[in-house]
Amino acid sequence: MILSQRDEGEGRDTGSGGGAELRAVRRRRSCLVYGLLLLATTILACSIYWWGYCGILRKPTVRQPPIRADELFLDPRVFSENWQGNSAPRSAKEDYPTAEEAREFAVWSPRDVVIADQIILHYRDSQEASGAFAEIHRAKFRLDNTVRWESLDTQIYENRVADEFAAVVLHLPGSDVYLLVARYDEFISIFNLSMPPAYMDDREIATILEAIDARMSEHLHKAIREVPLPTVTPIPTRPN
């Protein structure tokens, strides 16, 4: 009787131990299955993301048509209705041979009292245009005491669009000449406004100059800065 009870107790202990081991095996199998499912899901998600990313990179870029210099000219409507202008812009390549494209456009008031002339130069890239800007600045702003000049009053106009900018007012016998050179990316604008002294007030002059920036900002998608760009000053020289 005692032996029988001992055997029965050992059998129960053995059965209990076997059930725990079986449950442990099942848990390990479940963890393994879940781990494999998680790994497969992760690999699938990464594959979808990678192929989608590569597909975006390989997607052909829709290029906008190149901007022509003629599109960047100052809108002549900023001048009075009775002003006249060139029927079409003309080439200025002879004066600026290093430019990819050089175009010139002029407008004038009745009896040629006021003449406004703008040249748009297009270079291969911004770096080349910046070098050309420096050369133009040295050539056009090398002023001496034989010419009375002053920097353009910032109360009249401040440039908030260009990447480089230089402006000066020349006081010549019987006329004032506003000369502005500005680089916008790979384009350079050279603007001359010649008129009798005090023929236009400051607001009229500012409207014309601001229209140049507005044109560039619109066509070249240039942001308008809160802080104006400092003006590059003329290079003083001694008279010959």
Protein backbone atom coordinates (compact mmCIF):
# COMPACT_ATOMS: atom_id res chain seq x y z
CA MET A 1 0.00 0.00 0.00
CA ILE A 2 2.75 2.41 0.94
CA LEU A 3 4.78 1.53 -2.11
CA SER A 4 1.80 2.03 -4.33
CA GLN A 5 1.12 5.48 -2.94
CA ARG A 6 4.78 6.47 -3.40
CA ASP A 7 4.73 5.43 -7.00
CA GLU A 8 1.53 7.30 -7.60
CA GLY A 9 2.96 10.48 -6.04
CA GLU A 10 6.09 10.24 -8.17
CA GLY A 11 3.90 9.83 -11.21
CA ARG A 12 2.03 12.99 -10.40
CA ASP A 13 5.28 14.90 -9.91
CA THR A 14 6.59 13.62 -13.21
CA GLY A 15 3.39 14.62 -14.99
CA SER A 16 3.49 18.09 -13.51
CA GLY A 17 7.11 18.61 -14.55
CA GLY A 18 6.37 17.39 -18.07
CA GLY A 19 3.47 19.86 -18.44
CA ALA A 20 5.64 22.82 -17.41
CA GLU A 21 8.31 21.82 -19.87
CA LEU A 22 5.73 21.47 -22.62
CA ARG A 23 4.36 24.91 -21.88
CA ALA A 24 7.88 26.37 -21.97
CA VAL A 25 8.49 24.78 -25.36
CA ARG A 26 5.23 26.21 -26.66
CA ARG A 27 6.17 29.68 -25.39
CA ARG A 28 9.54 29.48 -27.09
CA ARG A 29 7.87 28.42 -30.34
CA SER A 30 5.39 31.29 -30.06
CA CYS A 31 8.18 33.80 -29.46
CA LEU A 32 10.09 32.42 -32.41
CA VAL A 33 7.03 32.68 -34.67
CA TYR A 34 6.30 36.23 -33.53
CA GLY A 35 9.95 37.17 -33.98
CA LEU A 36 9.98 35.79 -37.51
CA LEU A 37 6.75 37.62 -38.35
CA LEU A 38 8.17 40.88 -36.98
CA LEU A 39 11.38 40.43 -38.93
CA ALA A 40 9.49 39.67 -42.15
CA THR A 41 7.23 42.70 -41.64
CA THR A 42 10.25 44.95 -41.01
CA ILE A 43 12.05 43.67 -44.11
CA LEU A 44 8.91 44.16 -46.22
CA ALA A 45 8.39 47.70 -44.93
CA CYS A 46 12.03 48.63 -45.56
CA SER A 47 11.86 47.16 -49.05
CA ILE A 48 8.73 49.13 -49.91
CA TYR A 49 10.29 52.35 -48.58
CA TRP A 50 13.58 51.76 -50.40
CA TRP A 51 12.03 50.99 -53.75
CA GLY A 52 9.68 53.91 -53.38
CA TYR A 53 12.58 56.22 -52.52
CA CYS A 54 14.62 54.96 -55.44
CA GLY A 55 11.61 55.39 -57.68
CA ILE A 56 11.38 59.04 -56.65
CA LEU A 57 15.07 59.55 -57.36
CA ARG A 58 14.74 57.91 -60.73
CA LYS A 59 11.66 59.88 -61.59
CA PRO A 60 12.54 62.21 -64.48
CA THR A 61 12.68 65.88 -63.48
CA VAL A 62 10.33 68.13 -65.39
CA ARG A 63 12.58 71.06 -66.33
CA GLN A 64 11.14 74.48 -66.78
CA PRO A 65 11.98 76.17 -70.07
CA PRO A 66 15.10 78.38 -69.75
CA ILE A 67 14.49 82.03 -68.97
CA ARG A 68 15.37 84.40 -71.77
CA ALA A 69 16.92 87.77 -71.11
CA ASP A 70 14.06 89.53 -72.90
CA GLU A 71 11.64 88.29 -70.23
CA LEU A 72 13.50 90.18 -67.50
CA PHE A 73 13.30 93.67 -68.91
CA LEU A 74 11.61 96.34 -66.85
CA ASP A 75 7.92 96.52 -67.65
CA PRO A 76 7.60 99.68 -69.80
CA ARG A 77 4.16 100.32 -68.32
CA VAL A 78 5.95 101.69 -65.25
CA PHE A 79 6.69 104.79 -67.36
CA SER A 80 4.15 107.31 -68.59
CA GLU A 81 1.89 106.32 -71.46
CA ASN A 82 3.34 108.90 -73.83
CA TRP A 83 6.85 107.45 -73.55
CA GLN A 84 8.29 105.65 -76.55
CA GLY A 85 10.52 102.61 -76.66
CA ASN A 86 12.36 100.19 -78.87
CA SER A 87 10.03 98.12 -81.00
CA ALA A 88 12.12 95.12 -79.91
CA PRO A 89 15.16 94.60 -77.67
CA ARG A 90 18.47 94.62 -79.49
CA SER A 91 21.67 92.69 -78.96
CA ALA A 92 24.42 94.06 -76.73
CA LYS A 93 26.73 91.10 -77.27
CA GLU A 94 29.39 93.27 -78.88
CA ASP A 95 29.87 95.23 -75.66
CA TYR A 96 29.64 92.15 -73.41
CA PRO A 97 31.17 89.26 -75.38
CA THR A 98 31.64 86.95 -72.37
CA ALA A 99 27.90 86.80 -71.66
CA GLU A 100 25.88 83.89 -72.96
CA GLU A 101 23.17 86.39 -73.88
CA ALA A 102 23.21 90.20 -73.86
CA ARG A 103 20.11 92.23 -74.66
CA GLU A 104 19.33 95.94 -74.44
CA PHE A 105 16.08 97.87 -74.29
CA ALA A 106 15.49 101.62 -74.04
CA VAL A 107 12.55 103.96 -73.51
CA TRP A 108 12.44 107.72 -73.74
CA SER A 109 10.08 110.54 -72.91
CA PRO A 110 8.74 113.07 -75.43
CA ARG A 111 11.50 115.30 -76.87
CA ASP A 112 14.03 112.85 -75.38
CA VAL A 113 14.04 114.72 -72.08
CA VAL A 114 14.44 111.46 -70.14
CA ILE A 115 16.10 108.31 -71.43
CA ALA A 116 16.05 104.98 -69.61
CA ASP A 117 18.23 102.15 -70.84
CA GLN A 118 18.47 98.61 -69.47
CA ILE A 119 20.86 95.81 -70.40
CA ILE A 120 20.23 92.22 -69.30
CA LEU A 121 23.23 89.88 -69.32
CA HIS A 122 22.89 86.12 -68.94
CA TYR A 123 25.88 84.06 -67.84
CA ARG A 124 26.48 80.34 -67.58
CA ASP A 125 26.10 80.23 -63.79
CA SER A 126 26.04 82.45 -60.71
CA GLN A 127 29.79 82.21 -60.15
CA GLU A 128 30.57 83.43 -63.66
CA ALA A 129 28.01 86.21 -63.30
CA SER A 130 29.58 87.29 -60.00
CA GLY A 131 32.96 87.62 -61.71
CA ALA A 132 31.36 89.67 -64.48
CA PHE A 133 29.65 91.88 -61.90
CA ALA A 134 33.04 92.69 -60.35
CA GLU A 135 34.45 93.60 -63.78
CA ILE A 136 31.46 95.80 -64.64
CA HIS A 137 31.70 97.50 -61.28
CA ARG A 138 35.41 98.29 -61.82
CA ALA A 139 34.70 99.63 -65.30
CA LYS A 140 31.59 101.73 -64.62
CA PHE A 141 32.17 102.85 -61.02
CA ARG A 142 35.79 103.99 -61.25
CA LEU A 143 34.92 107.62 -60.62
CA ASP A 144 37.19 110.57 -59.91
CA ASN A 145 36.89 114.16 -58.83
CA THR A 146 36.17 115.33 -62.37
CA VAL A 147 32.65 113.89 -62.01
CA ARG A 148 30.41 114.94 -59.17
CA TRP A 149 28.73 111.82 -57.83
CA GLU A 150 27.04 110.47 -54.76
CA SER A 151 25.76 107.12 -53.58
CA LEU A 152 22.08 106.50 -54.14
CA ASP A 153 20.12 107.69 -51.11
CA THR A 154 18.74 104.66 -49.24
CA GLN A 155 15.75 106.79 -48.33
CA ILE A 156 14.83 106.67 -52.02
CA TYR A 157 15.54 103.02 -52.75
CA GLU A 158 16.96 99.90 -51.11
CA ASN A 159 17.60 96.63 -52.93
CA ARG A 160 16.10 93.58 -51.19
CA VAL A 161 16.23 91.07 -54.04
CA ALA A 162 19.64 91.10 -55.77
CA ASP A 163 22.65 89.00 -54.75
CA GLU A 164 25.05 91.87 -55.52
CA PHE A 165 24.18 95.50 -56.04
CA ALA A 166 25.87 98.81 -56.83
CA ALA A 167 24.26 102.20 -57.44
CA VAL A 168 25.43 105.75 -57.92
CA VAL A 169 24.04 109.10 -59.04
CA LEU A 170 26.23 111.10 -61.43
CA HIS A 171 25.68 114.83 -61.59
CA LEU A 172 26.66 115.89 -65.10
CA PRO A 173 26.21 119.32 -66.71
CA GLY A 174 22.47 119.64 -67.33
CA SER A 175 21.52 116.11 -66.27
CA ASP A 176 21.53 113.55 -63.48
CA VAL A 177 22.30 109.93 -64.33
CA TYR A 178 21.19 107.09 -62.09
CA LEU A 179 23.40 104.06 -62.70
CA LEU A 180 22.45 100.73 -61.11
CA VAL A 181 24.13 97.36 -61.60
CA ALA A 182 22.65 94.32 -59.88
CA ARG A 183 23.22 90.57 -60.09
CA TYR A 184 20.33 88.17 -59.68
CA ASP A 185 21.67 84.58 -59.76
CA GLU A 186 23.25 84.17 -63.23
CA PHE A 187 21.68 87.38 -64.61
CA ILE A 188 22.98 90.95 -64.41
CA SER A 189 20.88 94.06 -64.92
CA ILE A 190 22.55 97.35 -65.90
CA PHE A 191 20.15 100.29 -65.70
CA ASN A 192 20.75 103.92 -66.68
CA LEU A 193 18.25 106.70 -66.12
CA SER A 194 19.29 110.09 -67.52
CA MET A 195 17.18 113.21 -66.96
CA PRO A 196 17.37 116.90 -66.13
CA PRO A 197 17.93 117.64 -62.44
CA ALA A 198 14.75 117.38 -60.34
CA TYR A 199 12.74 116.24 -63.37
CA MET A 200 11.32 113.33 -61.33
CA ASP A 201 10.63 113.23 -57.62
CA ASP A 202 12.01 110.51 -55.34
CA ARG A 203 8.79 108.49 -55.39
CA GLU A 204 8.76 108.30 -59.20
CA ILE A 205 12.38 107.18 -59.26
CA ALA A 206 11.78 104.57 -56.55
CA THR A 207 8.79 103.17 -58.46
CA ILE A 208 10.97 102.54 -61.52
CA LEU A 209 13.82 100.96 -59.57
CA GLU A 210 11.50 98.77 -57.51
CA ALA A 211 9.87 97.54 -60.71
CA ILE A 212 13.22 96.05 -61.76
CA ASP A 213 13.39 94.00 -58.57
CA ALA A 214 9.76 92.97 -58.91
CA ARG A 215 10.42 91.62 -62.39
CA MET A 216 13.45 89.65 -61.24
CA SER A 217 11.69 88.33 -58.17
CA GLU A 218 8.73 87.13 -60.24
CA HIS A 219 10.65 85.38 -63.02
CA LEU A 220 13.63 84.07 -61.03
CA HIS A 221 11.61 83.24 -57.90
CA LYS A 222 13.87 85.42 -55.80
CA ALA A 223 12.71 86.03 -52.24
CA ILE A 224 12.39 89.59 -50.98
CA ARG A 225 14.64 90.00 -47.94
CA GLU A 226 13.68 91.93 -44.85
CA VAL A 227 17.17 93.42 -44.61
CA PRO A 228 18.32 95.40 -47.70
CA LEU A 229 21.52 94.49 -49.50
CA PRO A 230 24.45 96.85 -48.82
CA THR A 231 25.41 98.91 -51.85
CA VAL A 232 28.86 98.37 -53.32
CA THR A 233 30.47 101.81 -53.31
CA PRO A 234 32.28 103.37 -56.26
CA ILE A 235 36.04 103.04 -56.58
CA PRO A 236 37.65 106.47 -56.07
CA THR A 237 40.50 107.31 -58.44
CA ARG A 238 42.63 110.30 -59.12
CA PRO A 239 41.91 112.40 -62.20
CA ASN A 240 44.29 111.91 -65.10
